[in-house]
C-alpha atoms as a PDB file:
ATOM      1  CA  MET A   1       0.000   0.000   0.000  1.00  0.00           C
ATOM      2  CA  LYS A   2       1.247   3.470  -0.814  1.00  0.00           C
ATOM      3  CA  LEU A   3       0.144   7.003  -0.089  1.00  0.00           C
ATOM      4  CA  ILE A   4       0.600   9.666  -2.752  1.00  0.00           C
ATOM      5  CA  ALA A   5       0.852  13.136  -1.231  1.00  0.00           C
ATOM      6  CA  ASN A   6       3.437  15.754  -0.425  1.00  0.00           C
ATOM      7  CA  PRO A   7       4.891  16.664   2.978  1.00  0.00           C
ATOM      8  CA  PHE A   8       3.334  20.152   2.943  1.00  0.00           C
ATOM      9  CA  SER A   9      -0.296  19.131   2.390  1.00  0.00           C
ATOM     10  CA  PRO A  10      -2.467  19.390   5.537  1.00  0.00           C
ATOM     11  CA  PHE A  11      -4.729  16.697   4.099  1.00  0.00           C
ATOM     12  CA  GLY A  12      -1.797  14.401   3.389  1.00  0.00           C
ATOM     13  CA  ARG A  13      -0.524  15.055   6.895  1.00  0.00           C
ATOM     14  CA  LYS A  14      -3.900  14.096   8.356  1.00  0.00           C
ATOM     15  CA  VAL A  15      -3.785  10.739   6.578  1.00  0.00           C
ATOM     16  CA  ARG A  16      -0.127  10.166   7.478  1.00  0.00           C
ATOM     17  CA  THR A  17      -0.871  10.895  11.137  1.00  0.00           C
ATOM     18  CA  VAL A  18      -3.770   8.434  11.108  1.00  0.00           C
ATOM     19  CA  LEU A  19      -1.543   5.791   9.485  1.00  0.00           C
ATOM     20  CA  ALA A  20       1.042   6.322  12.220  1.00  0.00           C
ATOM     21  CA  GLU A  21      -1.532   6.273  15.020  1.00  0.00           C
ATOM     22  CA  LYS A  22      -2.996   3.057  13.607  1.00  0.00           C
ATOM     23  CA  ARG A  23       0.499   1.562  13.105  1.00  0.00           C
ATOM     24  CA  ILE A  24      -0.165   0.744   9.470  1.00  0.00           C
ATOM     25  CA  ASP A  25       2.853   0.332   7.185  1.00  0.00           C
ATOM     26  CA  TYR A  26       2.875   2.101   3.823  1.00  0.00           C
ATOM     27  CA  ASP A  27       5.151   3.632   1.219  1.00  0.00           C
ATOM     28  CA  PHE A  28       5.102   7.427   1.018  1.00  0.00           C
ATOM     29  CA  VAL A  29       5.223   8.621  -2.601  1.00  0.00           C
ATOM     30  CA  ILE A  30       5.807  12.350  -2.910  1.00  0.00           C
ATOM     31  CA  ASP A  31       4.027  14.039  -5.803  1.00  0.00           C
ATOM     32  CA  ASN A  32       2.814  17.583  -6.328  1.00  0.00           C
ATOM     33  CA  PRO A  33      -0.287  17.932  -8.530  1.00  0.00           C
ATOM     34  CA  GLY A  34       0.936  21.351  -9.643  1.00  0.00           C
ATOM     35  CA  ASP A  35       4.045  19.953 -11.311  1.00  0.00           C
ATOM     36  CA  ALA A  36       4.054  19.347 -15.047  1.00  0.00           C
ATOM     37  CA  ALA A  37       5.305  15.786 -14.555  1.00  0.00           C
ATOM     38  CA  THR A  38       2.759  14.845 -11.892  1.00  0.00           C
ATOM     39  CA  ARG A  39       1.211  11.388 -12.045  1.00  0.00           C
ATOM     40  CA  VAL A  40      -1.584  12.158  -9.590  1.00  0.00           C
ATOM     41  CA  PRO A  41      -4.349  12.246 -12.280  1.00  0.00           C
ATOM     42  CA  GLU A  42      -3.472   8.634 -13.127  1.00  0.00           C
ATOM     43  CA  TYR A  43      -4.668   7.667  -9.656  1.00  0.00           C
ATOM     44  CA  ASN A  44      -7.273  10.333  -8.898  1.00  0.00           C
ATOM     45  CA  PRO A  45      -9.270  11.754 -11.825  1.00  0.00           C
ATOM     46  CA  LEU A  46      -9.709  14.955  -9.819  1.00  0.00           C
ATOM     47  CA  GLY A  47      -5.943  15.433  -9.806  1.00  0.00           C
ATOM     48  CA  LYS A  48      -5.797  15.989  -6.048  1.00  0.00           C
ATOM     49  CA  ILE A  49      -3.836  14.523  -3.159  1.00  0.00           C
ATOM     50  CA  PRO A  50      -3.777  12.498  -0.996  1.00  0.00           C
ATOM     51  CA  VAL A  51      -4.444   9.208  -2.783  1.00  0.00           C
ATOM     52  CA  LEU A  52      -4.204   5.789  -1.155  1.00  0.00           C
ATOM     53  CA  VAL A  53      -3.162   3.084  -3.613  1.00  0.00           C
ATOM     54  CA  PHE A  54      -3.636  -0.581  -2.726  1.00  0.00           C
ATOM     55  CA  ASP A  55      -1.459  -3.447  -3.909  1.00  0.00           C
ATOM     56  CA  ASP A  56      -4.006  -4.322  -6.610  1.00  0.00           C
ATOM     57  CA  ASP A  57      -3.824  -0.701  -7.867  1.00  0.00           C
ATOM     58  CA  THR A  58      -7.312   0.215  -6.673  1.00  0.00           C
ATOM     59  CA  THR A  59      -7.409   3.640  -5.097  1.00  0.00           C
ATOM     60  CA  LEU A  60      -9.113   5.763  -2.470  1.00  0.00           C
ATOM     61  CA  PHE A  61      -9.091   9.531  -2.598  1.00  0.00           C
ATOM     62  CA  ASP A  62     -10.242  12.436  -0.496  1.00  0.00           C
ATOM     63  CA  SER A  63      -8.643  12.414   2.931  1.00  0.00           C
ATOM     64  CA  ARG A  64     -11.963  11.933   4.733  1.00  0.00           C
ATOM     65  CA  VAL A  65     -12.696   8.745   2.801  1.00  0.00           C
ATOM     66  CA  ILE A  66      -9.164   7.475   3.348  1.00  0.00           C
ATOM     67  CA  VAL A  67      -9.121   8.031   7.113  1.00  0.00           C
ATOM     68  CA  GLU A  68     -12.511   6.379   7.541  1.00  0.00           C
ATOM     69  CA  TYR A  69     -11.213   3.302   5.716  1.00  0.00           C
ATOM     70  CA  LEU A  70      -8.001   3.254   7.755  1.00  0.00           C
ATOM     71  CA  ASP A  71      -9.836   3.544  11.035  1.00  0.00           C
ATOM     72  CA  SER A  72     -12.010   0.550  10.160  1.00  0.00           C
ATOM     73  CA  ALA A  73      -9.086  -1.453   8.745  1.00  0.00           C
ATOM     74  CA  SER A  74      -7.212  -1.706  12.044  1.00  0.00           C
ATOM     75  CA  PRO A  75      -8.590  -2.192  15.559  1.00  0.00           C
ATOM     76  CA  VAL A  76      -5.692  -0.241  17.064  1.00  0.00           C
ATOM     77  CA  GLY A  77      -6.804   2.997  18.732  1.00  0.00           C
ATOM     78  CA  ARG A  78     -10.150   3.811  17.141  1.00  0.00           C
ATOM     79  CA  LEU A  79     -10.193   7.461  16.037  1.00  0.00           C
ATOM     80  CA  ILE A  80     -13.804   7.701  14.848  1.00  0.00           C
ATOM     81  CA  PRO A  81     -16.342   6.804  17.554  1.00  0.00           C
ATOM     82  CA  GLU A  82     -18.893   4.107  16.868  1.00  0.00           C
ATOM     83  CA  GLU A  83     -21.693   5.814  18.796  1.00  0.00           C
ATOM     84  CA  ALA A  84     -23.696   7.784  16.225  1.00  0.00           C
ATOM     85  CA  ARG A  85     -23.999  11.160  17.936  1.00  0.00           C
ATOM     86  CA  HIS A  86     -20.340  11.324  18.940  1.00  0.00           C
ATOM     87  CA  ARG A  87     -19.284  10.083  15.513  1.00  0.00           C
ATOM     88  CA  VAL A  88     -21.174  12.912  13.819  1.00  0.00           C
ATOM     89  CA  GLN A  89     -19.593  15.481  16.136  1.00  0.00           C
ATOM     90  CA  VAL A  90     -16.096  14.186  15.331  1.00  0.00           C
ATOM     91  CA  ARG A  91     -16.823  14.316  11.594  1.00  0.00           C
ATOM     92  CA  ARG A  92     -18.191  17.848  12.016  1.00  0.00           C
ATOM     93  CA  TRP A  93     -14.892  18.884  13.603  1.00  0.00           C
ATOM     94  CA  GLU A  94     -13.053  17.249  10.731  1.00  0.00           C
ATOM     95  CA  ALA A  95     -15.174  19.125   8.167  1.00  0.00           C
ATOM     96  CA  LEU A  96     -14.571  22.423   9.965  1.00  0.00           C
ATOM     97  CA  ALA A  97     -10.820  21.878  10.209  1.00  0.00           C
ATOM     98  CA  ASP A  98     -10.590  20.706   6.591  1.00  0.00           C
ATOM     99  CA  GLY A  99     -12.542  23.778   5.483  1.00  0.00           C
ATOM    100  CA  CYS A 100     -10.061  25.973   7.323  1.00  0.00           C
ATOM    101  CA  SER A 101      -7.220  24.182   5.527  1.00  0.00           C
ATOM    102  CA  ASP A 102      -9.019  24.528   2.178  1.00  0.00           C
ATOM    103  CA  ALA A 103      -9.288  28.286   2.649  1.00  0.00           C
ATOM    104  CA  ALA A 104      -5.631  28.583   3.626  1.00  0.00           C
ATOM    105  CA  VAL A 105      -4.560  26.558   0.585  1.00  0.00           C
ATOM    106  CA  ALA A 106      -6.703  28.842  -1.600  1.00  0.00           C
ATOM    107  CA  ILE A 107      -4.987  31.935  -0.188  1.00  0.00           C
ATOM    108  CA  VAL A 108      -1.539  30.461  -0.775  1.00  0.00           C
ATOM    109  CA  SER A 109      -2.443  29.545  -4.353  1.00  0.00           C
ATOM    110  CA  GLU A 110      -3.830  33.003  -5.058  1.00  0.00           C
ATOM    111  CA  THR A 111      -0.806  34.829  -3.653  1.00  0.00           C
ATOM    112  CA  ARG A 112       1.469  32.762  -5.883  1.00  0.00           C
ATOM    113  CA  ARG A 113      -0.212  34.120  -8.981  1.00  0.00           C
ATOM    114  CA  PRO A 114       1.321  37.146 -10.750  1.00  0.00           C
ATOM    115  CA  ALA A 115       0.613  40.273  -8.701  1.00  0.00           C
ATOM    116  CA  GLY A 116      -1.557  41.820 -11.386  1.00  0.00           C
ATOM    117  CA  LYS A 117      -3.826  38.776 -11.517  1.00  0.00           C
ATOM    118  CA  GLN A 118      -4.394  38.342  -7.790  1.00  0.00           C
ATOM    119  CA  SER A 119      -7.817  39.096  -6.338  1.00  0.00           C
ATOM    120  CA  ALA A 120      -7.827  40.861  -2.970  1.00  0.00           C
ATOM    121  CA  GLU A 121     -11.545  40.153  -2.723  1.00  0.00           C
ATOM    122  CA  TRP A 122     -10.945  36.414  -3.153  1.00  0.00           C
ATOM    123  CA  VAL A 123      -8.217  36.412  -0.505  1.00  0.00           C
ATOM    124  CA  ALA A 124     -10.447  38.334   1.907  1.00  0.00           C
ATOM    125  CA  ARG A 125     -13.265  35.857   1.368  1.00  0.00           C
ATOM    126  CA  GLN A 126     -10.984  32.934   2.174  1.00  0.00           C
ATOM    127  CA  GLN A 127      -9.556  34.753   5.184  1.00  0.00           C
ATOM    128  CA  GLY A 128     -13.092  35.220   6.463  1.00  0.00           C
ATOM    129  CA  LYS A 129     -13.594  31.454   6.325  1.00  0.00           C
ATOM    130  CA  ILE A 130     -10.430  30.911   8.356  1.00  0.00           C
ATOM    131  CA  ASP A 131     -11.412  33.525  10.928  1.00  0.00           C
ATOM    132  CA  ARG A 132     -14.876  32.045  11.392  1.00  0.00           C
ATOM    133  CA  ALA A 133     -13.525  28.499  11.531  1.00  0.00           C
ATOM    134  CA  LEU A 134     -11.024  29.405  14.261  1.00  0.00           C
ATOM    135  CA  LYS A 135     -13.674  31.237  16.257  1.00  0.00           C
ATOM    136  CA  THR A 136     -16.063  28.292  16.008  1.00  0.00           C
ATOM    137  CA  MET A 137     -13.409  25.724  16.884  1.00  0.00           C
ATOM    138  CA  SER A 138     -12.348  27.736  19.926  1.00  0.00           C
ATOM    139  CA  HIS A 139     -15.944  28.196  21.060  1.00  0.00           C
ATOM    140  CA  ASP A 140     -16.790  24.523  20.626  1.00  0.00           C
ATOM    141  CA  LEU A 141     -13.605  23.415  22.380  1.00  0.00           C
ATOM    142  CA  GLY A 142     -14.193  25.618  25.405  1.00  0.00           C
ATOM    143  CA  GLY A 143     -12.214  24.358  28.375  1.00  0.00           C
ATOM    144  CA  ARG A 144     -12.101  20.697  27.352  1.00  0.00           C
ATOM    145  CA  ALA A 145      -8.852  18.786  27.022  1.00  0.00           C
ATOM    146  CA  TRP A 146      -9.676  17.429  23.544  1.00  0.00           C
ATOM    147  CA  CYS A 147     -11.777  18.699  20.669  1.00  0.00           C
ATOM    148  CA  SER A 148     -14.632  16.185  20.832  1.00  0.00           C
ATOM    149  CA  GLY A 149     -15.318  14.007  23.835  1.00  0.00           C
ATOM    150  CA  GLU A 150     -12.956  13.047  26.615  1.00  0.00           C
ATOM    151  CA  THR A 151     -10.253  11.340  24.559  1.00  0.00           C
ATOM    152  CA  PHE A 152      -7.965  11.997  21.590  1.00  0.00           C
ATOM    153  CA  ASN A 153      -9.572  11.218  18.224  1.00  0.00           C
ATOM    154  CA  LEU A 154      -9.785  12.271  14.574  1.00  0.00           C
ATOM    155  CA  ALA A 155     -11.199  15.692  15.503  1.00  0.00           C
ATOM    156  CA  ASP A 156      -7.893  16.536  17.181  1.00  0.00           C
ATOM    157  CA  ILE A 157      -5.801  15.253  14.281  1.00  0.00           C
ATOM    158  CA  ALA A 158      -7.747  17.272  11.704  1.00  0.00           C
ATOM    159  CA  THR A 159      -7.662  20.400  13.859  1.00  0.00           C
ATOM    160  CA  GLY A 160      -3.951  20.040  14.546  1.00  0.00           C
ATOM    161  CA  CYS A 161      -3.161  19.636  10.847  1.00  0.00           C
ATOM    162  CA  ALA A 162      -5.154  22.758  10.002  1.00  0.00           C
ATOM    163  CA  LEU A 163      -3.433  24.806  12.704  1.00  0.00           C
ATOM    164  CA  GLY A 164      -0.045  23.477  11.641  1.00  0.00           C
ATOM    165  CA  TYR A 165      -0.712  24.530   8.071  1.00  0.00           C
ATOM    166  CA  LEU A 166      -1.617  28.038   9.233  1.00  0.00           C
ATOM    167  CA  ASP A 167       1.725  28.184  11.048  1.00  0.00           C
ATOM    168  CA  LEU A 168       3.522  27.029   7.917  1.00  0.00           C
ATOM    169  CA  ARG A 169       1.880  29.174   5.260  1.00  0.00           C
ATOM    170  CA  LEU A 170       0.225  32.066   7.113  1.00  0.00           C
ATOM    171  CA  PRO A 171       2.583  32.640  10.053  1.00  0.00           C
ATOM    172  CA  ASP A 172       1.538  36.271  10.498  1.00  0.00           C
ATOM    173  CA  LEU A 173      -2.012  35.222  11.359  1.00  0.00           C
ATOM    174  CA  GLY A 174      -1.115  34.847  15.039  1.00  0.00           C
ATOM    175  CA  TRP A 175      -4.028  32.584  15.948  1.00  0.00           C
ATOM    176  CA  ARG A 176      -2.581  31.561  19.326  1.00  0.00           C
ATOM    177  CA  THR A 177      -3.175  34.890  21.044  1.00  0.00           C
ATOM    178  CA  PRO A 178      -6.949  35.108  20.502  1.00  0.00           C
ATOM    179  CA  TYR A 179      -7.438  31.345  20.877  1.00  0.00           C
ATOM    180  CA  PRO A 180      -5.238  30.044  23.710  1.00  0.00           C
ATOM    181  CA  ASN A 181      -7.405  26.937  24.160  1.00  0.00           C
ATOM    182  CA  LEU A 182      -6.630  25.866  20.587  1.00  0.00           C
ATOM    183  CA  ALA A 183      -2.955  26.581  21.240  1.00  0.00           C
ATOM    184  CA  LYS A 184      -3.050  24.321  24.289  1.00  0.00           C
ATOM    185  CA  VAL A 185      -4.490  21.419  22.295  1.00  0.00           C
ATOM    186  CA  PHE A 186      -1.971  22.023  19.508  1.00  0.00           C
ATOM    187  CA  GLU A 187       0.930  21.884  21.955  1.00  0.00           C
ATOM    188  CA  LYS A 188      -0.335  18.567  23.353  1.00  0.00           C
ATOM    189  CA  LEU A 189      -0.660  17.180  19.840  1.00  0.00           C
ATOM    190  CA  SER A 190       2.880  18.284  19.035  1.00  0.00           C
ATOM    191  CA  LEU A 191       4.177  15.982  21.763  1.00  0.00           C
ATOM    192  CA  ARG A 192       2.689  12.905  20.087  1.00  0.00           C
ATOM    193  CA  ALA A 193       5.208  11.085  17.894  1.00  0.00           C
ATOM    194  CA  PRO A 194       2.809  10.537  14.931  1.00  0.00           C
ATOM    195  CA  PHE A 195       2.008  14.252  14.800  1.00  0.00           C
ATOM    196  CA  ARG A 196       5.561  15.378  15.398  1.00  0.00           C
ATOM    197  CA  ASP A 197       6.977  12.996  12.786  1.00  0.00           C
ATOM    198  CA  THR A 198       4.600  14.241  10.072  1.00  0.00           C
ATOM    199  CA  ALA A 199       5.372  17.946  10.585  1.00  0.00           C
ATOM    200  CA  PRO A 200       6.123  19.626   7.233  1.00  0.00           C
ATOM    201  CA  PRO A 201       9.640  20.804   6.451  1.00  0.00           C
ATOM    202  CA  LYS A 202      10.382  24.388   7.438  1.00  0.00           C
ATOM    203  CA  SER A 203      10.507  25.765   3.901  1.00  0.00           C
END
């Protein structure tokens, strides 16, 4: 089994963290869909990462689909609760965190376009999504130790990957000051080997 992604993708990091938490072996194949020589469309018709490729060359794509499969594939440390109400809350956290990452990726992509073609309105719209996502995550977290429920789960992984991507690509955002409860969770996550080992390179 192999995972096609790149070390900077928050969605790839989410899957890699789940693989590590579940102690599932895999080969990490680095590919960037933006490169001219990319092979990602051969595995995902949408041309997006991450993609999980099985030994028989069948594939799974979209990080949410992949992590759900991985969580059911191994009994080690369930990350998605079985109880329906809690399960939905964890997936809601994942959707919120992924949406925050989506908006950050959109800002990065826009700011890499030639200056004359960039849209300040588009960037502001994406920034608004990030601001609202952070506010909602902080409100929903409150004073709890973990994002959803009493134990570590997929909600924490998704949130940590989103916050890590903000640190990487939008370091001037300074989200820790207004949201110290999110910062506290992020610091706890950073002590876990699977999360620490999947941190993107500092470049």
